[in-house]
Amino acid sequence: MLNDLLIFGLVVLLSAALPLSVVAALGFRGSPFSKVTAPIPVVLVCYVVADGSRLYLEKVPPTFYAVVTSVAVVAAVYAAVNAVLLLTERRSV
């Protein structure tokens, strides 16, 4: 019961952050920061799908959950690497 409530709160919070991340990704399009902000909506969508499926399906297939969360992790690592490259001035602004 409590676990489902916390997962529901996480889905609501991520769903509220999704439009803001799309606005940020579109706002920074064409700038050096676009490689940092572009993967963020992908990460949020993947986690909303993964956690939302845990709420609505009786049993989530492990391969589905592993694939969706792996895509989210790869996108987050891509954004983090680009942020480090940008902030350490290895890439020009």
C-alpha atoms as a PDB file:
ATOM      1  CA  MET A   1       0.000   0.000   0.000  1.00  0.00           C
ATOM      2  CA  LEU A   2       2.648   2.522   1.034  1.00  0.00           C
ATOM      3  CA  ASN A   3       4.935   1.331  -1.759  1.00  0.00           C
ATOM      4  CA  ASP A   4       2.215   1.992  -4.347  1.00  0.00           C
ATOM      5  CA  LEU A   5       1.556   5.422  -2.867  1.00  0.00           C
ATOM      6  CA  LEU A   6       5.227   6.373  -3.089  1.00  0.00           C
ATOM      7  CA  ILE A   7       5.482   5.105  -6.671  1.00  0.00           C
ATOM      8  CA  PHE A   8       2.356   7.092  -7.560  1.00  0.00           C
ATOM      9  CA  GLY A   9       3.913  10.223  -6.034  1.00  0.00           C
ATOM     10  CA  LEU A  10       7.083   9.620  -8.033  1.00  0.00           C
ATOM     11  CA  VAL A  11       5.110   9.263 -11.272  1.00  0.00           C
ATOM     12  CA  VAL A  12       3.187  12.474 -10.554  1.00  0.00           C
ATOM     13  CA  LEU A  13       6.392  14.371  -9.756  1.00  0.00           C
ATOM     14  CA  LEU A  14       8.192  13.132 -12.869  1.00  0.00           C
ATOM     15  CA  SER A  15       5.143  13.890 -15.008  1.00  0.00           C
ATOM     16  CA  ALA A  16       5.112  17.446 -13.691  1.00  0.00           C
ATOM     17  CA  ALA A  17       8.825  17.849 -14.454  1.00  0.00           C
ATOM     18  CA  LEU A  18       8.482  16.521 -18.008  1.00  0.00           C
ATOM     19  CA  PRO A  19       7.004  19.696 -19.607  1.00  0.00           C
ATOM     20  CA  LEU A  20       9.652  21.801 -17.892  1.00  0.00           C
ATOM     21  CA  SER A  21      12.416  19.609 -19.273  1.00  0.00           C
ATOM     22  CA  VAL A  22      10.954  19.845 -22.785  1.00  0.00           C
ATOM     23  CA  VAL A  23      10.875  23.642 -22.490  1.00  0.00           C
ATOM     24  CA  ALA A  24      14.497  23.634 -21.302  1.00  0.00           C
ATOM     25  CA  ALA A  25      15.583  21.332 -24.131  1.00  0.00           C
ATOM     26  CA  LEU A  26      13.835  23.497 -26.722  1.00  0.00           C
ATOM     27  CA  GLY A  27      15.090  26.712 -25.151  1.00  0.00           C
ATOM     28  CA  PHE A  28      18.733  25.649 -25.270  1.00  0.00           C
ATOM     29  CA  ARG A  29      18.490  24.219 -28.801  1.00  0.00           C
ATOM     30  CA  GLY A  30      21.406  25.404 -30.891  1.00  0.00           C
ATOM     31  CA  SER A  31      23.617  26.246 -27.920  1.00  0.00           C
ATOM     32  CA  PRO A  32      26.412  24.162 -26.380  1.00  0.00           C
ATOM     33  CA  PHE A  33      24.100  23.330 -23.482  1.00  0.00           C
ATOM     34  CA  SER A  34      21.704  21.522 -25.810  1.00  0.00           C
ATOM     35  CA  LYS A  35      23.697  18.295 -25.494  1.00  0.00           C
ATOM     36  CA  VAL A  36      23.165  18.490 -21.739  1.00  0.00           C
ATOM     37  CA  THR A  37      19.447  19.308 -21.722  1.00  0.00           C
ATOM     38  CA  ALA A  38      18.269  17.245 -24.712  1.00  0.00           C
ATOM     39  CA  PRO A  39      18.461  13.801 -23.009  1.00  0.00           C
ATOM     40  CA  ILE A  40      16.580  14.918 -19.887  1.00  0.00           C
ATOM     41  CA  PRO A  41      13.059  14.482 -21.366  1.00  0.00           C
ATOM     42  CA  VAL A  42      14.073  10.996 -22.529  1.00  0.00           C
ATOM     43  CA  VAL A  43      15.152  10.095 -19.007  1.00  0.00           C
ATOM     44  CA  LEU A  44      11.915  11.374 -17.506  1.00  0.00           C
ATOM     45  CA  VAL A  45       9.705   9.598 -20.045  1.00  0.00           C
ATOM     46  CA  CYS A  46      11.524   6.317 -19.486  1.00  0.00           C
ATOM     47  CA  TYR A  47      11.143   6.517 -15.727  1.00  0.00           C
ATOM     48  CA  VAL A  48       7.466   7.511 -15.972  1.00  0.00           C
ATOM     49  CA  VAL A  49       6.828   4.516 -18.232  1.00  0.00           C
ATOM     50  CA  ALA A  50       8.805   2.145 -16.013  1.00  0.00           C
ATOM     51  CA  ASP A  51       7.205   3.252 -12.748  1.00  0.00           C
ATOM     52  CA  GLY A  52       3.755   3.754 -14.254  1.00  0.00           C
ATOM     53  CA  SER A  53       3.807   0.214 -15.553  1.00  0.00           C
ATOM     54  CA  ARG A  54       4.502  -1.000 -12.026  1.00  0.00           C
ATOM     55  CA  LEU A  55       1.339   0.745 -10.878  1.00  0.00           C
ATOM     56  CA  TYR A  56      -1.016  -0.420 -13.601  1.00  0.00           C
ATOM     57  CA  LEU A  57       0.200  -3.895 -14.504  1.00  0.00           C
ATOM     58  CA  GLU A  58      -0.217  -6.880 -12.253  1.00  0.00           C
ATOM     59  CA  LYS A  59       3.292  -8.139 -13.009  1.00  0.00           C
ATOM     60  CA  VAL A  60       5.781  -6.150 -15.073  1.00  0.00           C
ATOM     61  CA  PRO A  61       7.971  -8.256 -17.373  1.00  0.00           C
ATOM     62  CA  PRO A  62      11.549  -7.992 -16.112  1.00  0.00           C
ATOM     63  CA  THR A  63      12.968  -7.526 -19.615  1.00  0.00           C
ATOM     64  CA  PHE A  64      10.646  -4.570 -20.272  1.00  0.00           C
ATOM     65  CA  TYR A  65      11.608  -2.890 -17.006  1.00  0.00           C
ATOM     66  CA  ALA A  66      15.322  -3.575 -17.597  1.00  0.00           C
ATOM     67  CA  VAL A  67      15.270  -2.172 -21.143  1.00  0.00           C
ATOM     68  CA  VAL A  68      13.351   0.987 -20.238  1.00  0.00           C
ATOM     69  CA  THR A  69      15.482   1.780 -17.200  1.00  0.00           C
ATOM     70  CA  SER A  70      18.672   1.005 -19.146  1.00  0.00           C
ATOM     71  CA  VAL A  71      17.695   3.547 -21.798  1.00  0.00           C
ATOM     72  CA  ALA A  72      17.088   6.086 -19.022  1.00  0.00           C
ATOM     73  CA  VAL A  73      20.461   5.404 -17.410  1.00  0.00           C
ATOM     74  CA  VAL A  74      22.333   5.640 -20.724  1.00  0.00           C
ATOM     75  CA  ALA A  75      20.622   8.966 -21.527  1.00  0.00           C
ATOM     76  CA  ALA A  76      21.429  10.306 -18.047  1.00  0.00           C
ATOM     77  CA  VAL A  77      25.078   9.286 -18.364  1.00  0.00           C
ATOM     78  CA  TYR A  78      25.245  10.936 -21.812  1.00  0.00           C
ATOM     79  CA  ALA A  79      23.890  14.185 -20.329  1.00  0.00           C
ATOM     80  CA  ALA A  80      26.291  13.987 -17.383  1.00  0.00           C
ATOM     81  CA  VAL A  81      29.329  13.386 -19.605  1.00  0.00           C
ATOM     82  CA  ASN A  82      28.409  16.339 -21.794  1.00  0.00           C
ATOM     83  CA  ALA A  83      27.896  18.516 -18.719  1.00  0.00           C
ATOM     84  CA  VAL A  84      31.326  17.580 -17.370  1.00  0.00           C
ATOM     85  CA  LEU A  85      32.939  18.251 -20.745  1.00  0.00           C
ATOM     86  CA  LEU A  86      31.224  21.619 -20.948  1.00  0.00           C
ATOM     87  CA  LEU A  87      31.913  22.712 -17.380  1.00  0.00           C
ATOM     88  CA  THR A  88      35.576  21.678 -17.431  1.00  0.00           C
ATOM     89  CA  GLU A  89      36.025  23.767 -20.590  1.00  0.00           C
ATOM     90  CA  ARG A  90      37.086  20.811 -22.708  1.00  0.00           C
ATOM     91  CA  ARG A  91      34.409  21.993 -25.135  1.00  0.00           C
ATOM     92  CA  SER A  92      34.104  25.658 -26.102  1.00  0.00           C
ATOM     93  CA  VAL A  93      31.011  27.594 -25.112  1.00  0.00           C
END
